[in-house]
N, C-alpha and C. Protein backbone atom coordinates (compact mmCIF):
# COMPACT_ATOMS: atom_id res chain seq x y z
N MET A 1 -12.34 -12.05 18.48
CA MET A 1 -12.79 -10.71 18.13
C MET A 1 -11.69 -9.95 17.39
N ASN A 2 -10.43 -10.04 17.87
CA ASN A 2 -9.33 -9.33 17.24
C ASN A 2 -9.10 -9.83 15.81
N ASN A 3 -9.19 -11.16 15.59
CA ASN A 3 -9.01 -11.71 14.25
C ASN A 3 -10.10 -11.20 13.31
N ARG A 4 -11.31 -11.04 13.82
CA ARG A 4 -12.40 -10.54 12.99
C ARG A 4 -12.13 -9.10 12.55
N ARG A 5 -11.62 -8.27 13.49
CA ARG A 5 -11.29 -6.89 13.15
C ARG A 5 -10.19 -6.82 12.10
N VAL A 6 -9.16 -7.64 12.28
CA VAL A 6 -8.06 -7.68 11.31
C VAL A 6 -8.59 -8.11 9.95
N PHE A 7 -9.45 -9.13 9.92
CA PHE A 7 -10.02 -9.60 8.66
C PHE A 7 -10.84 -8.49 7.99
N LEU A 8 -11.70 -7.81 8.76
CA LEU A 8 -12.53 -6.76 8.18
C LEU A 8 -11.69 -5.60 7.65
N LYS A 9 -10.67 -5.20 8.41
CA LYS A 9 -9.80 -4.12 7.95
C LYS A 9 -9.04 -4.54 6.70
N SER A 10 -8.60 -5.78 6.67
CA SER A 10 -7.87 -6.29 5.50
C SER A 10 -8.76 -6.31 4.27
N ALA A 11 -9.99 -6.76 4.45
CA ALA A 11 -10.93 -6.81 3.33
C ALA A 11 -11.20 -5.40 2.81
N LEU A 12 -11.35 -4.44 3.71
CA LEU A 12 -11.56 -3.05 3.32
C LEU A 12 -10.35 -2.51 2.56
N ALA A 13 -9.17 -2.79 3.07
CA ALA A 13 -7.94 -2.32 2.41
C ALA A 13 -7.83 -2.89 1.01
N MET A 14 -8.12 -4.17 0.87
CA MET A 14 -8.03 -4.83 -0.43
C MET A 14 -9.04 -4.22 -1.40
N ALA A 15 -10.27 -4.04 -0.95
CA ALA A 15 -11.31 -3.47 -1.82
C ALA A 15 -10.94 -2.04 -2.22
N ALA A 16 -10.44 -1.27 -1.27
CA ALA A 16 -10.05 0.11 -1.58
C ALA A 16 -8.91 0.14 -2.58
N GLY A 17 -7.91 -0.69 -2.36
CA GLY A 17 -6.77 -0.73 -3.26
C GLY A 17 -7.16 -1.11 -4.67
N LEU A 18 -7.97 -2.14 -4.80
CA LEU A 18 -8.38 -2.59 -6.13
C LEU A 18 -9.26 -1.57 -6.83
N SER A 19 -10.19 -0.98 -6.10
CA SER A 19 -11.07 -0.01 -6.74
C SER A 19 -10.32 1.25 -7.13
N LEU A 20 -9.34 1.65 -6.34
CA LEU A 20 -8.60 2.86 -6.66
C LEU A 20 -7.67 2.67 -7.83
N VAL A 21 -7.16 1.46 -8.01
CA VAL A 21 -6.35 1.21 -9.20
C VAL A 21 -7.22 1.41 -10.43
N GLY A 22 -8.48 1.00 -10.37
CA GLY A 22 -9.40 1.23 -11.47
C GLY A 22 -9.65 2.71 -11.71
N VAL A 23 -9.76 3.49 -10.65
CA VAL A 23 -9.94 4.93 -10.77
C VAL A 23 -8.72 5.54 -11.44
N ARG A 24 -7.54 5.10 -11.06
CA ARG A 24 -6.30 5.61 -11.64
C ARG A 24 -6.25 5.31 -13.12
N LYS A 25 -6.61 4.10 -13.49
CA LYS A 25 -6.57 3.69 -14.89
C LYS A 25 -7.57 4.50 -15.72
N ALA A 26 -8.68 4.86 -15.14
CA ALA A 26 -9.71 5.61 -15.86
C ALA A 26 -9.31 7.06 -16.09
N SER A 27 -8.41 7.58 -15.25
CA SER A 27 -7.97 8.96 -15.41
C SER A 27 -6.86 9.02 -16.46
N ALA A 28 -6.38 10.21 -16.75
CA ALA A 28 -5.26 10.34 -17.68
C ALA A 28 -4.10 9.52 -17.15
N GLU A 29 -3.40 8.84 -18.03
CA GLU A 29 -2.37 7.89 -17.62
C GLU A 29 -1.32 8.52 -16.70
N SER A 30 -0.98 9.77 -16.93
CA SER A 30 0.04 10.39 -16.09
C SER A 30 -0.57 11.24 -14.97
N GLY A 31 -1.89 11.25 -14.86
CA GLY A 31 -2.57 12.08 -13.87
C GLY A 31 -2.42 11.53 -12.46
N PRO A 32 -2.71 12.37 -11.47
CA PRO A 32 -2.57 11.96 -10.06
C PRO A 32 -3.73 11.08 -9.60
N PHE A 33 -3.51 10.44 -8.46
CA PHE A 33 -4.60 9.72 -7.80
C PHE A 33 -5.56 10.77 -7.24
N PRO A 34 -6.79 10.39 -6.93
CA PRO A 34 -7.72 11.36 -6.32
C PRO A 34 -7.21 11.84 -4.97
N SER A 35 -7.26 13.14 -4.72
CA SER A 35 -6.79 13.71 -3.45
C SER A 35 -7.64 13.22 -2.29
N ASN A 36 -6.98 13.04 -1.17
CA ASN A 36 -7.60 12.62 0.09
C ASN A 36 -8.33 11.28 0.00
N ILE A 37 -7.97 10.48 -1.00
CA ILE A 37 -8.44 9.09 -1.08
C ILE A 37 -7.22 8.18 -1.10
N VAL A 38 -6.27 8.52 -1.98
CA VAL A 38 -5.00 7.81 -2.07
C VAL A 38 -3.91 8.83 -1.79
N TYR A 39 -2.96 8.45 -0.93
CA TYR A 39 -1.90 9.38 -0.53
C TYR A 39 -0.57 8.91 -1.10
N THR A 40 0.23 9.90 -1.56
CA THR A 40 1.54 9.62 -2.14
C THR A 40 2.55 10.60 -1.55
N ALA A 41 3.82 10.44 -1.91
CA ALA A 41 4.85 11.37 -1.44
C ALA A 41 4.53 12.79 -1.91
N ASP A 42 4.01 12.91 -3.13
CA ASP A 42 3.70 14.23 -3.69
C ASP A 42 2.34 14.78 -3.26
N ASP A 43 1.43 13.92 -2.87
CA ASP A 43 0.09 14.35 -2.45
C ASP A 43 -0.27 13.67 -1.13
N GLN A 44 0.13 14.32 -0.03
CA GLN A 44 -0.13 13.76 1.30
C GLN A 44 -1.48 14.22 1.85
N GLY A 45 -2.16 15.08 1.12
CA GLY A 45 -3.51 15.49 1.48
C GLY A 45 -3.66 15.89 2.93
N GLN A 46 -4.74 15.40 3.53
CA GLN A 46 -5.03 15.73 4.93
C GLN A 46 -4.01 15.15 5.91
N TRP A 47 -3.18 14.21 5.45
CA TRP A 47 -2.18 13.59 6.31
C TRP A 47 -0.78 14.15 6.05
N LYS A 48 -0.70 15.40 5.61
CA LYS A 48 0.59 16.03 5.32
C LYS A 48 1.54 15.87 6.51
N GLY A 49 2.76 15.43 6.22
CA GLY A 49 3.76 15.22 7.26
C GLY A 49 3.83 13.78 7.74
N LYS A 50 2.95 12.91 7.26
CA LYS A 50 2.91 11.52 7.71
C LYS A 50 3.56 10.55 6.72
N ALA A 51 4.04 11.04 5.59
CA ALA A 51 4.59 10.15 4.56
C ALA A 51 5.76 9.31 5.07
N GLN A 52 6.62 9.89 5.88
CA GLN A 52 7.80 9.16 6.35
C GLN A 52 7.43 7.88 7.10
N THR A 53 6.31 7.87 7.79
CA THR A 53 5.92 6.68 8.56
C THR A 53 4.77 5.90 7.93
N HIS A 54 4.28 6.32 6.77
CA HIS A 54 3.15 5.63 6.15
C HIS A 54 3.38 5.18 4.71
N LEU A 55 4.23 5.88 3.98
CA LEU A 55 4.50 5.55 2.59
C LEU A 55 5.35 4.29 2.51
N PRO A 56 4.95 3.29 1.72
CA PRO A 56 5.78 2.09 1.62
C PRO A 56 7.10 2.40 0.91
N GLN A 57 8.19 1.96 1.52
CA GLN A 57 9.51 2.09 0.91
C GLN A 57 9.79 0.80 0.17
N VAL A 58 10.24 0.90 -1.07
CA VAL A 58 10.41 -0.25 -1.93
C VAL A 58 11.89 -0.46 -2.24
N THR A 59 12.35 -1.71 -2.05
CA THR A 59 13.70 -2.10 -2.44
C THR A 59 13.58 -3.19 -3.48
N VAL A 60 14.22 -3.00 -4.63
CA VAL A 60 14.18 -3.99 -5.71
C VAL A 60 15.57 -4.56 -5.89
N ASP A 61 15.67 -5.90 -5.81
CA ASP A 61 16.93 -6.61 -6.02
C ASP A 61 16.66 -7.73 -7.01
N GLY A 62 16.85 -7.43 -8.29
CA GLY A 62 16.47 -8.39 -9.33
C GLY A 62 14.96 -8.51 -9.33
N GLY A 63 14.46 -9.74 -9.12
CA GLY A 63 13.02 -9.96 -9.05
C GLY A 63 12.48 -9.98 -7.64
N LYS A 64 13.35 -9.75 -6.66
CA LYS A 64 12.92 -9.74 -5.25
C LYS A 64 12.58 -8.30 -4.86
N VAL A 65 11.34 -8.10 -4.42
CA VAL A 65 10.86 -6.77 -4.04
C VAL A 65 10.48 -6.80 -2.57
N THR A 66 11.04 -5.87 -1.80
CA THR A 66 10.74 -5.78 -0.37
C THR A 66 10.06 -4.44 -0.09
N LEU A 67 8.93 -4.51 0.61
CA LEU A 67 8.22 -3.31 1.05
C LEU A 67 8.43 -3.16 2.54
N GLN A 68 8.68 -1.93 2.97
CA GLN A 68 8.80 -1.64 4.39
C GLN A 68 8.09 -0.32 4.66
N THR A 69 7.28 -0.31 5.70
CA THR A 69 6.65 0.92 6.15
C THR A 69 7.21 1.19 7.54
N LYS A 70 7.94 2.28 7.69
CA LYS A 70 8.60 2.60 8.96
C LYS A 70 7.59 3.25 9.90
N HIS A 71 6.72 2.40 10.42
CA HIS A 71 5.57 2.84 11.21
C HIS A 71 5.59 2.11 12.55
N PRO A 72 5.53 2.83 13.66
CA PRO A 72 5.42 2.14 14.95
C PRO A 72 4.05 1.47 15.06
N HIS A 73 4.02 0.31 15.68
CA HIS A 73 2.76 -0.44 15.80
C HIS A 73 2.26 -0.47 17.23
N SER A 74 0.95 -0.33 17.37
CA SER A 74 0.28 -0.52 18.66
C SER A 74 -1.09 -1.12 18.36
N GLU A 75 -1.79 -1.54 19.38
CA GLU A 75 -3.13 -2.12 19.18
C GLU A 75 -4.07 -1.13 18.49
N LYS A 76 -3.88 0.16 18.74
CA LYS A 76 -4.80 1.17 18.21
C LYS A 76 -4.35 1.82 16.91
N HIS A 77 -3.09 1.61 16.51
CA HIS A 77 -2.55 2.30 15.33
C HIS A 77 -1.47 1.44 14.70
N PHE A 78 -1.78 0.90 13.51
CA PHE A 78 -0.81 0.00 12.86
C PHE A 78 -1.07 -0.10 11.37
N ILE A 79 -0.08 -0.61 10.64
CA ILE A 79 -0.23 -0.89 9.22
C ILE A 79 -0.97 -2.22 9.10
N VAL A 80 -2.05 -2.22 8.35
CA VAL A 80 -2.92 -3.39 8.20
C VAL A 80 -2.44 -4.31 7.08
N ARG A 81 -1.96 -3.70 5.99
CA ARG A 81 -1.68 -4.52 4.81
C ARG A 81 -0.71 -3.85 3.85
N HIS A 82 0.12 -4.67 3.22
CA HIS A 82 0.91 -4.28 2.05
C HIS A 82 0.35 -5.03 0.85
N THR A 83 0.37 -4.39 -0.31
CA THR A 83 -0.06 -5.04 -1.55
C THR A 83 0.84 -4.56 -2.68
N VAL A 84 1.14 -5.46 -3.61
CA VAL A 84 1.84 -5.09 -4.85
C VAL A 84 0.87 -5.33 -5.99
N VAL A 85 0.69 -4.30 -6.82
CA VAL A 85 -0.30 -4.33 -7.90
C VAL A 85 0.39 -3.92 -9.20
N THR A 86 0.07 -4.62 -10.30
CA THR A 86 0.61 -4.24 -11.60
C THR A 86 -0.04 -2.95 -12.08
N ALA A 87 0.53 -2.35 -13.11
CA ALA A 87 -0.02 -1.10 -13.66
C ALA A 87 -1.43 -1.29 -14.20
N ASP A 88 -1.78 -2.54 -14.58
CA ASP A 88 -3.14 -2.78 -15.09
C ASP A 88 -4.09 -3.33 -14.03
N GLY A 89 -3.68 -3.30 -12.76
CA GLY A 89 -4.59 -3.63 -11.67
C GLY A 89 -4.56 -5.04 -11.13
N LYS A 90 -3.65 -5.88 -11.58
CA LYS A 90 -3.57 -7.25 -11.08
C LYS A 90 -2.76 -7.29 -9.78
N VAL A 91 -3.35 -7.86 -8.73
CA VAL A 91 -2.65 -8.00 -7.46
C VAL A 91 -1.68 -9.17 -7.58
N VAL A 92 -0.39 -8.89 -7.38
CA VAL A 92 0.62 -9.95 -7.49
C VAL A 92 1.14 -10.42 -6.14
N GLY A 93 0.78 -9.72 -5.08
CA GLY A 93 1.18 -10.15 -3.75
C GLY A 93 0.56 -9.26 -2.69
N ALA A 94 0.31 -9.85 -1.52
CA ALA A 94 -0.27 -9.08 -0.42
C ALA A 94 0.11 -9.74 0.89
N THR A 95 0.28 -8.92 1.92
CA THR A 95 0.59 -9.40 3.26
C THR A 95 -0.27 -8.62 4.25
N VAL A 96 -0.92 -9.34 5.15
CA VAL A 96 -1.75 -8.73 6.20
C VAL A 96 -0.95 -8.74 7.50
N PHE A 97 -1.03 -7.64 8.24
CA PHE A 97 -0.29 -7.50 9.49
C PHE A 97 -1.24 -7.38 10.68
N ALA A 98 -0.80 -7.90 11.80
CA ALA A 98 -1.48 -7.71 13.08
C ALA A 98 -0.75 -6.58 13.81
N PRO A 99 -1.33 -6.01 14.85
CA PRO A 99 -0.68 -4.91 15.55
C PRO A 99 0.73 -5.24 16.07
N ALA A 100 1.00 -6.49 16.39
CA ALA A 100 2.31 -6.87 16.93
C ALA A 100 3.36 -7.09 15.84
N ASP A 101 2.96 -7.12 14.57
CA ASP A 101 3.89 -7.40 13.46
C ASP A 101 4.69 -6.17 13.05
N THR A 102 5.85 -6.44 12.43
CA THR A 102 6.64 -5.38 11.80
C THR A 102 6.21 -5.31 10.34
N PRO A 103 5.86 -4.13 9.83
CA PRO A 103 5.35 -4.04 8.46
C PRO A 103 6.45 -4.10 7.39
N VAL A 104 6.95 -5.32 7.17
CA VAL A 104 7.93 -5.61 6.12
C VAL A 104 7.41 -6.83 5.38
N SER A 105 7.42 -6.78 4.05
CA SER A 105 6.97 -7.91 3.24
C SER A 105 7.87 -8.05 2.02
N THR A 106 7.99 -9.29 1.53
CA THR A 106 8.85 -9.57 0.39
C THR A 106 8.08 -10.37 -0.64
N TYR A 107 8.31 -10.05 -1.91
CA TYR A 107 7.61 -10.71 -3.02
C TYR A 107 8.60 -11.02 -4.12
N GLU A 108 8.35 -12.10 -4.84
CA GLU A 108 9.12 -12.44 -6.04
C GLU A 108 8.29 -12.00 -7.24
N ILE A 109 8.86 -11.15 -8.06
CA ILE A 109 8.16 -10.64 -9.24
C ILE A 109 8.98 -11.00 -10.47
N ALA A 110 8.40 -11.82 -11.33
CA ALA A 110 9.11 -12.33 -12.50
C ALA A 110 9.12 -11.36 -13.67
N GLU A 111 8.04 -10.63 -13.86
CA GLU A 111 7.92 -9.76 -15.04
C GLU A 111 8.40 -8.34 -14.74
N LYS A 112 9.20 -7.81 -15.66
CA LYS A 112 9.64 -6.42 -15.54
C LYS A 112 8.48 -5.50 -15.91
N GLY A 113 8.47 -4.33 -15.30
CA GLY A 113 7.42 -3.37 -15.60
C GLY A 113 7.19 -2.43 -14.44
N GLU A 114 6.11 -1.64 -14.55
CA GLU A 114 5.73 -0.70 -13.50
C GLU A 114 4.73 -1.36 -12.56
N TYR A 115 4.91 -1.08 -11.27
CA TYR A 115 4.06 -1.64 -10.22
C TYR A 115 3.73 -0.55 -9.21
N TYR A 116 2.73 -0.85 -8.38
CA TYR A 116 2.36 0.02 -7.28
C TYR A 116 2.45 -0.77 -5.98
N ALA A 117 3.10 -0.17 -4.98
CA ALA A 117 3.16 -0.75 -3.64
C ALA A 117 2.18 0.03 -2.78
N THR A 118 1.32 -0.68 -2.04
CA THR A 118 0.38 0.00 -1.16
C THR A 118 0.68 -0.34 0.30
N SER A 119 0.39 0.60 1.15
CA SER A 119 0.49 0.43 2.59
C SER A 119 -0.77 1.04 3.18
N PHE A 120 -1.56 0.22 3.88
CA PHE A 120 -2.82 0.70 4.43
C PHE A 120 -2.71 0.80 5.95
N CYS A 121 -2.89 2.02 6.48
CA CYS A 121 -2.87 2.28 7.92
C CYS A 121 -4.31 2.31 8.42
N ASN A 122 -4.54 1.73 9.58
CA ASN A 122 -5.91 1.70 10.10
C ASN A 122 -6.44 3.09 10.47
N LEU A 123 -5.56 4.08 10.63
CA LEU A 123 -6.01 5.43 10.95
C LEU A 123 -5.75 6.44 9.83
N HIS A 124 -4.72 6.20 9.02
CA HIS A 124 -4.29 7.20 8.03
C HIS A 124 -4.37 6.71 6.59
N ASP A 125 -5.23 5.74 6.35
CA ASP A 125 -5.67 5.39 5.00
C ASP A 125 -4.61 4.73 4.11
N LEU A 126 -4.81 4.85 2.79
CA LEU A 126 -4.05 4.12 1.78
C LEU A 126 -2.94 4.99 1.18
N TRP A 127 -1.70 4.48 1.26
CA TRP A 127 -0.53 5.17 0.73
C TRP A 127 0.06 4.33 -0.39
N VAL A 128 0.50 5.00 -1.47
CA VAL A 128 0.96 4.29 -2.66
C VAL A 128 2.31 4.83 -3.13
N THR A 129 3.20 3.89 -3.48
CA THR A 129 4.48 4.20 -4.10
C THR A 129 4.56 3.47 -5.43
N LYS A 130 4.86 4.18 -6.50
CA LYS A 130 5.04 3.57 -7.82
C LYS A 130 6.51 3.15 -7.94
N PHE A 131 6.76 1.96 -8.52
CA PHE A 131 8.13 1.51 -8.70
C PHE A 131 8.24 0.65 -9.96
N THR A 132 9.48 0.41 -10.37
CA THR A 132 9.75 -0.37 -11.57
C THR A 132 10.66 -1.55 -11.24
N VAL A 133 10.35 -2.70 -11.81
CA VAL A 133 11.20 -3.90 -11.66
C VAL A 133 11.94 -4.05 -12.97
């Protein structure tokens, strides 16, 4: 039963992330994400004050990219997934977490450019950090 819940939450996070990248692309290139759908450091919406524990922190070392969400985990409240997406919407890496996992993930990215790191919380939705490799 627990694996099914994790799978369903992961599928939802993936669908939300991919569809929202399309929404972002359709808006003005420098415009914000839709409020209260995608959360960022600048637009925390209804979750104001939660960025420190929900926004993915990105470390870039050459082509090695590490995402960390400093979020305490419990059975009822945890980070479900990290995803790295190119500026044009291609998913280049993703990691699914269980409640007992630490939300840290590492990816090798060969191409330089702009990317988006996502962190999906089962209670506080989708958080996005833009970064450059």
